[in-house]
Amino acid sequence: MPTPDQLLQALQTVIDPNTGKDFVSTKALKNLQVTGGEVSFDVELGYPAKSQIPALRSALVAAAKTVPGVDNVSATLASKVVAHAAQRGVNLMPGVKNIIAVASGKGGVGKSTTAVNLALALAAEGASVGLLDADIYGPSQPMMTGTSGKPETLDGKTMEPKIGHGIQVNSIGFLVSEDQAMVWRGPMASQALEQLITQTNWKDLDYLIVDMPPGTGDIQLTLCQKVPLTGAVIVTTPQDIALIDARKGIKMFEKVGVPILGIVENMAVHVCSACGHIEHIFGVDGGQKMAAEYKMDYLGALPLAMSIRLQADSGRPTVVAEPDSDAARLYGDIARKLAVKVAQKAKDFTSKFPTITISKNT
């Protein structure tokens, strides 16, 4: 009859391709039961991986069956995303486990397109995802998510998020007309953003992706100081001028104690749709070199492709318009790396703390 130790030794040979570690030593494998030749166990992943679970289950079952005496194996794999720690002194928001800021030092690097596709990629892997358009002066997510109209309110105090392609969305763009200019000074815009994020009735989100405005001004500082950010992603192109501004964004997050989860290099290469010629229009490996310089994770590179732009402008971003395309696969890979980085962070235990009340004895 197989023993638990034999099975654990066999199962330890299966490596999680996303973390590079086995499921036994990381304690992801739980509830191992051995009854004669019948074996059962659970595996709890800390990140969404709907597309990978069948292959992971097959590998674990095959490993268990290498142990002599094992007849049948029952393996249950599931993802469980938990809340992780944010900046010191900032409490988590109700209904939201993890908030990830997608930022850039300057505009025009494809940050909003990257943010919406990463949000959709996380949702495609089974996560509950929200998207906040924090660009008060130039909101673009209503167009990219194919959502419109004024937000509803059920209690007169909070806004209900719109639903676009299965993710929850809110934006100042729902509250003003498309041609209305937001002629607001910094403090007013910052207050509007704070209301937008805290007065939206987000519903049980694993991740809230925040599409940040470009730069390092009042709005960005408000978000970093008052909103519990699990971490930030920096989007840049390989171009030197973009990298200069991306460095400023990195320094801003460092000063306010928000960890950088990784760097995404957008528009890294252009492939001609007519002849297939490959050209590095904005330079080569600038983002990768910057990640190495700052000892940060390089989450991946995305191409400069007309299809990505057309799909975002039409309200059906690449991940939903062409889910089997190379570009969608790249977004999926980056989203998975991002989720794994979040899963490796310290967990938030504030909800475990007891509530102390003082009452007067009578």
Protein backbone atom coordinates (compact mmCIF):
# COMPACT_ATOMS: atom_id res chain seq x y z
CA MET A 1 0.00 0.00 0.00
CA PRO A 2 1.39 3.46 -0.89
CA THR A 3 2.31 5.76 1.96
CA PRO A 4 1.74 9.52 2.21
CA ASP A 5 5.49 10.12 2.21
CA GLN A 6 5.91 8.20 -1.05
CA LEU A 7 3.13 10.21 -2.66
CA LEU A 8 4.48 13.54 -1.43
CA GLN A 9 7.88 12.64 -2.82
CA ALA A 10 6.36 11.78 -6.19
CA LEU A 11 4.12 14.85 -6.29
CA GLN A 12 7.07 17.08 -5.44
CA THR A 13 8.52 16.33 -8.87
CA VAL A 14 5.74 18.36 -10.53
CA ILE A 15 6.81 21.97 -10.91
CA ASP A 16 4.39 24.86 -11.19
CA PRO A 17 5.43 26.56 -14.47
CA ASN A 18 4.26 29.92 -13.13
CA THR A 19 6.31 29.96 -9.93
CA GLY A 20 9.12 27.53 -10.73
CA LYS A 21 8.39 25.71 -7.45
CA ASP A 22 6.66 22.46 -6.59
CA PHE A 23 3.21 22.28 -5.02
CA VAL A 24 4.32 20.35 -1.93
CA SER A 25 7.01 22.63 -0.54
CA THR A 26 4.85 25.71 -1.17
CA LYS A 27 2.00 24.03 0.76
CA ALA A 28 -0.37 24.49 -2.17
CA LEU A 29 -1.12 20.76 -1.97
CA LYS A 30 -3.57 20.01 0.81
CA ASN A 31 -5.79 17.25 2.24
CA LEU A 32 -3.78 14.28 0.97
CA GLN A 33 -5.77 11.12 1.69
CA VAL A 34 -4.60 7.53 1.09
CA THR A 35 -7.02 4.65 1.45
CA GLY A 36 -5.58 1.45 0.04
CA GLY A 37 -4.95 2.19 -3.63
CA GLU A 38 -7.26 5.22 -3.61
CA VAL A 39 -5.54 8.61 -3.43
CA SER A 40 -7.09 12.06 -3.25
CA PHE A 41 -5.72 15.56 -2.69
CA ASP A 42 -6.47 19.23 -3.32
CA VAL A 43 -4.27 21.93 -4.81
CA GLU A 44 -5.02 25.57 -4.03
CA LEU A 45 -3.48 28.10 -6.39
CA GLY A 46 -3.08 31.67 -5.19
CA TYR A 47 -3.65 33.09 -8.67
CA PRO A 48 -6.26 32.55 -11.42
CA ALA A 49 -5.22 29.84 -13.88
CA LYS A 50 -8.36 28.48 -15.49
CA SER A 51 -6.61 27.64 -18.77
CA GLN A 52 -3.78 25.77 -17.06
CA ILE A 53 -5.68 23.73 -14.47
CA PRO A 54 -6.41 20.70 -16.75
CA ALA A 55 -2.73 20.27 -17.66
CA LEU A 56 -1.59 20.75 -14.06
CA ARG A 57 -4.13 18.21 -12.84
CA SER A 58 -2.98 15.67 -15.44
CA ALA A 59 0.67 16.12 -14.44
CA LEU A 60 -0.09 15.66 -10.74
CA VAL A 61 -2.27 12.61 -11.33
CA ALA A 62 0.43 11.05 -13.53
CA ALA A 63 3.06 11.69 -10.83
CA ALA A 64 0.89 10.08 -8.15
CA LYS A 65 0.36 6.99 -10.32
CA THR A 66 4.12 6.38 -10.48
CA VAL A 67 3.92 5.23 -6.86
CA PRO A 68 3.47 1.43 -6.67
CA GLY A 69 0.05 0.38 -5.43
CA VAL A 70 -1.83 3.49 -6.54
CA ASP A 71 -4.95 2.55 -8.48
CA ASN A 72 -7.08 5.69 -8.67
CA VAL A 73 -6.25 9.36 -8.11
CA SER A 74 -8.74 12.14 -7.44
CA ALA A 75 -7.23 15.62 -7.67
CA THR A 76 -9.14 18.87 -7.18
CA LEU A 77 -7.41 22.05 -8.34
CA ALA A 78 -8.87 25.49 -7.70
CA SER A 79 -7.73 29.10 -7.55
CA LYS A 80 -8.18 31.13 -4.39
CA VAL A 81 -7.13 34.78 -4.60
CA VAL A 82 -6.75 36.44 -1.21
CA ALA A 83 -6.16 40.01 -0.07
CA HIS A 84 -2.55 41.13 0.17
CA ALA A 85 -0.96 43.92 2.15
CA ALA A 86 -1.08 47.49 0.87
CA GLN A 87 0.81 50.63 1.95
CA ARG A 88 1.30 51.04 5.66
CA GLY A 89 -1.55 52.93 7.29
CA VAL A 90 -4.04 52.49 4.44
CA ASN A 91 -6.96 50.13 5.07
CA LEU A 92 -8.33 47.78 2.44
CA MET A 93 -11.50 48.74 0.59
CA PRO A 94 -14.73 46.76 1.03
CA GLY A 95 -15.38 44.37 -1.82
CA VAL A 96 -11.84 44.60 -3.24
CA LYS A 97 -9.00 42.20 -2.37
CA ASN A 98 -6.16 43.63 -4.45
CA ILE A 99 -5.74 46.96 -6.24
CA ILE A 100 -3.14 47.20 -9.01
CA ALA A 101 -2.18 50.53 -10.56
CA VAL A 102 -1.16 50.47 -14.22
CA ALA A 103 0.97 53.57 -14.71
CA SER A 104 3.33 55.31 -17.09
CA GLY A 105 5.54 58.34 -16.82
CA LYS A 106 4.16 59.84 -20.01
CA GLY A 107 1.17 59.54 -22.30
CA GLY A 108 1.06 57.78 -25.64
CA VAL A 109 2.71 54.53 -24.58
CA GLY A 110 -0.46 52.41 -24.73
CA LYS A 111 -1.09 52.27 -20.99
CA SER A 112 -4.90 52.26 -21.21
CA THR A 113 -4.93 49.55 -23.89
CA THR A 114 -2.56 47.49 -21.78
CA ALA A 115 -4.67 48.00 -18.63
CA VAL A 116 -7.94 46.89 -20.21
CA ASN A 117 -6.38 43.84 -21.86
CA LEU A 118 -4.68 42.78 -18.62
CA ALA A 119 -8.00 43.14 -16.78
CA LEU A 120 -9.76 41.02 -19.40
CA ALA A 121 -6.96 38.44 -19.37
CA LEU A 122 -7.26 38.02 -15.59
CA ALA A 123 -11.04 37.63 -15.97
CA ALA A 124 -10.53 35.02 -18.72
CA GLU A 125 -8.49 32.99 -16.22
CA GLY A 126 -11.42 32.96 -13.81
CA ALA A 127 -10.79 36.00 -11.60
CA SER A 128 -13.39 38.57 -10.57
CA VAL A 129 -11.99 41.81 -11.99
CA GLY A 130 -12.81 45.51 -11.93
CA LEU A 131 -11.37 48.36 -14.00
CA LEU A 132 -11.23 51.94 -12.76
CA ASP A 133 -10.47 54.66 -15.28
CA ALA A 134 -8.50 57.11 -13.14
CA ASP A 135 -7.69 59.49 -15.99
CA ILE A 136 -9.98 62.34 -15.00
CA TYR A 137 -8.89 64.58 -17.87
CA GLY A 138 -8.88 61.98 -20.65
CA PRO A 139 -11.04 58.94 -19.84
CA SER A 140 -10.82 56.21 -22.48
CA GLN A 141 -12.15 53.05 -20.82
CA PRO A 142 -15.83 53.65 -21.68
CA MET A 143 -14.88 53.41 -25.36
CA MET A 144 -12.48 50.51 -24.89
CA THR A 145 -14.92 48.42 -22.85
CA GLY A 146 -17.96 49.27 -24.98
CA THR A 147 -19.80 50.77 -21.99
CA SER A 148 -21.78 53.99 -21.72
CA GLY A 149 -24.55 55.79 -19.83
CA LYS A 150 -24.84 57.26 -16.36
CA PRO A 151 -24.03 54.94 -13.43
CA GLU A 152 -27.03 53.68 -11.47
CA THR A 153 -27.34 54.09 -7.73
CA LEU A 154 -29.38 51.79 -5.55
CA ASP A 155 -28.89 53.56 -2.22
CA GLY A 156 -28.40 57.17 -3.33
CA LYS A 157 -24.85 57.10 -1.97
CA THR A 158 -22.81 54.72 -4.13
CA MET A 159 -22.54 54.07 -7.86
CA GLU A 160 -23.07 50.69 -9.46
CA PRO A 161 -20.22 49.77 -11.82
CA LYS A 162 -20.94 49.14 -15.49
CA ILE A 163 -20.28 45.65 -16.85
CA GLY A 164 -18.14 45.38 -19.96
CA HIS A 165 -17.07 41.97 -21.29
CA GLY A 166 -17.55 40.45 -17.84
CA ILE A 167 -15.54 43.01 -15.84
CA GLN A 168 -16.84 45.79 -13.57
CA VAL A 169 -16.01 49.28 -14.89
CA ASN A 170 -16.27 52.85 -13.67
CA SER A 171 -14.98 56.08 -15.16
CA ILE A 172 -15.53 59.84 -15.00
CA GLY A 173 -16.43 59.35 -18.65
CA PHE A 174 -19.80 57.95 -17.52
CA LEU A 175 -20.58 61.20 -15.70
CA VAL A 176 -19.69 63.77 -18.36
CA SER A 177 -20.27 64.02 -22.10
CA GLU A 178 -17.50 62.96 -24.47
CA ASP A 179 -16.82 66.50 -25.70
CA GLN A 180 -16.81 68.12 -22.25
CA ALA A 181 -13.39 69.33 -21.09
CA MET A 182 -12.59 68.74 -17.41
CA VAL A 183 -11.26 72.22 -16.55
CA TRP A 184 -10.41 71.32 -12.97
CA ARG A 185 -7.42 72.14 -10.83
CA GLY A 186 -5.49 69.30 -9.22
CA PRO A 187 -7.24 69.18 -5.82
CA MET A 188 -10.68 69.07 -7.45
CA ALA A 189 -9.65 66.30 -9.83
CA SER A 190 -8.07 64.38 -6.96
CA GLN A 191 -11.25 64.60 -4.91
CA ALA A 192 -13.28 63.39 -7.90
CA LEU A 193 -11.00 60.37 -8.28
CA GLU A 194 -11.20 59.55 -4.57
CA GLN A 195 -15.01 59.62 -4.75
CA LEU A 196 -14.99 57.56 -7.93
CA ILE A 197 -12.98 54.74 -6.39
CA THR A 198 -14.41 54.71 -2.86
CA GLN A 199 -18.06 55.36 -3.74
CA THR A 200 -18.35 52.65 -6.36
CA ASN A 201 -20.11 49.51 -5.18
CA TRP A 202 -17.41 47.09 -6.30
CA LYS A 203 -18.66 43.53 -5.91
CA ASP A 204 -16.26 40.94 -4.48
CA LEU A 205 -13.27 41.73 -6.71
CA ASP A 206 -10.11 39.65 -6.72
CA TYR A 207 -8.37 42.46 -8.59
CA LEU A 208 -9.20 46.09 -9.30
CA ILE A 209 -7.05 47.38 -12.15
CA VAL A 210 -6.58 51.14 -12.02
CA ASP A 211 -5.78 52.81 -15.33
CA MET A 212 -3.70 55.72 -14.01
CA PRO A 213 -3.35 59.06 -15.78
CA PRO A 214 0.17 59.71 -17.12
CA GLY A 215 2.61 61.67 -15.00
CA THR A 216 3.36 62.09 -11.29
CA GLY A 217 1.05 64.89 -10.18
CA ASP A 218 -1.76 65.45 -7.67
CA ILE A 219 -4.04 62.68 -8.93
CA GLN A 220 -1.29 60.07 -8.79
CA LEU A 221 -0.23 61.12 -5.30
CA THR A 222 -3.83 61.05 -4.05
CA LEU A 223 -4.21 57.51 -5.33
CA CYS A 224 -0.92 56.38 -3.78
CA GLN A 225 -1.58 57.95 -0.39
CA LYS A 226 -5.28 57.23 0.13
CA VAL A 227 -6.03 54.07 -1.87
CA PRO A 228 -4.71 50.68 -0.68
CA LEU A 229 -2.49 49.66 -3.60
CA THR A 230 -1.17 46.11 -3.66
CA GLY A 231 1.37 47.22 -6.23
CA ALA A 232 1.96 49.00 -9.53
CA VAL A 233 2.82 48.03 -13.08
CA ILE A 234 4.91 50.40 -15.18
CA VAL A 235 4.13 50.53 -18.91
CA THR A 236 6.75 52.00 -21.22
CA THR A 237 7.98 51.82 -24.78
CA PRO A 238 11.65 51.05 -25.53
CA GLN A 239 12.16 54.68 -26.56
CA ASP A 240 14.65 56.67 -24.44
CA ILE A 241 12.26 59.59 -23.92
CA ALA A 242 9.58 57.22 -22.58
CA LEU A 243 12.08 55.48 -20.31
CA ILE A 244 13.15 58.81 -18.77
CA ASP A 245 9.56 59.49 -17.69
CA ALA A 246 8.98 55.88 -16.63
CA ARG A 247 11.87 56.26 -14.19
CA LYS A 248 10.05 59.21 -12.60
CA GLY A 249 6.99 57.02 -12.13
CA ILE A 250 9.11 54.34 -10.46
CA LYS A 251 10.61 56.89 -8.07
CA MET A 252 7.16 58.22 -7.17
CA PHE A 253 5.88 54.78 -6.19
CA GLU A 254 9.06 54.09 -4.21
CA LYS A 255 8.63 57.31 -2.22
CA VAL A 256 5.07 56.47 -1.18
CA GLY A 257 5.85 52.83 -0.37
CA VAL A 258 4.00 51.14 -3.24
CA PRO A 259 5.92 48.14 -4.62
CA ILE A 260 6.49 47.83 -8.37
CA LEU A 261 5.17 44.45 -9.50
CA GLY A 262 6.91 44.64 -12.86
CA ILE A 263 7.54 46.47 -16.11
CA VAL A 264 5.66 45.95 -19.37
CA GLU A 265 7.37 46.98 -22.60
CA ASN A 266 4.73 48.07 -25.09
CA MET A 267 5.23 48.67 -28.83
CA ALA A 268 8.45 46.67 -28.56
CA VAL A 269 8.44 45.52 -32.16
CA HIS A 270 6.44 46.19 -35.33
CA VAL A 271 5.66 43.44 -37.81
CA CYS A 272 4.48 44.74 -41.18
CA SER A 273 1.02 43.33 -41.94
CA ALA A 274 1.81 43.38 -45.66
CA CYS A 275 5.26 41.80 -45.91
CA GLY A 276 6.10 40.52 -42.40
CA HIS A 277 9.17 42.77 -42.07
CA ILE A 278 10.19 43.19 -38.41
CA GLU A 279 11.29 46.62 -37.25
CA HIS A 280 12.08 48.04 -33.81
CA ILE A 281 10.57 51.48 -34.38
CA PHE A 282 11.04 52.77 -30.81
CA GLY A 283 14.34 51.03 -30.03
CA VAL A 284 15.35 47.63 -28.70
CA ASP A 285 14.95 46.17 -25.18
CA GLY A 286 14.75 49.54 -23.41
CA GLY A 287 12.17 48.30 -20.93
CA GLN A 288 14.03 45.06 -20.33
CA LYS A 289 17.26 46.95 -19.61
CA MET A 290 15.43 49.30 -17.24
CA ALA A 291 13.94 46.34 -15.36
CA ALA A 292 17.41 44.88 -14.94
CA GLU A 293 18.80 48.26 -13.84
CA TYR A 294 16.16 48.62 -11.08
CA LYS A 295 16.15 44.89 -10.26
CA MET A 296 12.45 44.63 -11.14
CA ASP A 297 10.53 41.88 -12.90
CA TYR A 298 10.22 42.22 -16.65
CA LEU A 299 6.67 41.01 -17.23
CA GLY A 300 6.89 40.91 -21.01
CA ALA A 301 6.84 42.76 -24.33
CA LEU A 302 3.89 43.60 -26.56
CA PRO A 303 3.97 44.38 -30.29
CA LEU A 304 3.02 47.56 -32.11
CA ALA A 305 0.08 46.17 -34.08
CA MET A 306 -2.75 47.91 -35.87
CA SER A 307 -5.17 45.17 -34.82
CA ILE A 308 -4.64 45.97 -31.13
CA ARG A 309 -5.48 49.63 -31.74
CA LEU A 310 -8.51 48.91 -33.93
CA GLN A 311 -9.94 46.38 -31.48
CA ALA A 312 -9.56 48.72 -28.49
CA ASP A 313 -11.15 51.60 -30.40
CA SER A 314 -14.10 49.39 -31.38
CA GLY A 315 -14.87 48.48 -27.76
CA ARG A 316 -13.68 44.88 -28.13
CA PRO A 317 -10.06 44.72 -26.94
CA THR A 318 -7.75 42.03 -28.28
CA VAL A 319 -8.26 39.53 -25.43
CA VAL A 320 -12.00 39.29 -26.23
CA ALA A 321 -11.86 40.07 -29.96
CA GLU A 322 -9.19 37.47 -30.82
CA PRO A 323 -8.64 35.32 -27.72
CA ASP A 324 -6.54 32.78 -29.62
CA SER A 325 -4.22 35.35 -31.26
CA ASP A 326 -0.54 35.75 -30.45
CA ALA A 327 -1.23 39.20 -28.96
CA ALA A 328 -3.94 37.83 -26.65
CA ARG A 329 -1.57 35.08 -25.56
CA LEU A 330 1.05 37.71 -24.68
CA TYR A 331 -1.47 39.66 -22.61
CA GLY A 332 -2.44 36.41 -20.89
CA ASP A 333 1.17 35.56 -20.08
CA ILE A 334 1.79 39.02 -18.61
CA ALA A 335 -1.46 38.92 -16.59
CA ARG A 336 -0.52 35.52 -15.17
CA LYS A 337 2.95 36.71 -14.17
CA LEU A 338 1.33 39.74 -12.54
CA ALA A 339 -1.12 37.58 -10.57
CA VAL A 340 1.70 35.31 -9.40
CA LYS A 341 3.67 38.35 -8.21
CA VAL A 342 0.64 39.48 -6.21
CA ALA A 343 0.20 35.97 -4.75
CA GLN A 344 3.79 36.01 -3.51
CA LYS A 345 3.27 39.22 -1.54
CA ALA A 346 2.52 39.30 2.17
CA LYS A 347 -1.12 38.62 2.94
CA ASP A 348 -3.38 41.12 4.65
CA PHE A 349 -4.52 39.96 8.09
CA THR A 350 -6.43 43.02 9.24
CA SER A 351 -9.74 41.21 8.80
CA LYS A 352 -8.52 38.63 11.33
CA PHE A 353 -8.00 41.19 14.06
CA PRO A 354 -10.65 41.28 16.77
CA THR A 355 -12.87 44.32 17.09
CA ILE A 356 -12.53 45.87 20.55
CA THR A 357 -15.53 47.63 22.00
CA ILE A 358 -15.69 49.43 25.32
CA SER A 359 -18.92 49.32 27.22
CA LYS A 360 -19.87 50.91 30.52
CA ASN A 361 -20.89 48.46 33.22
CA THR A 362 -24.20 49.27 34.83
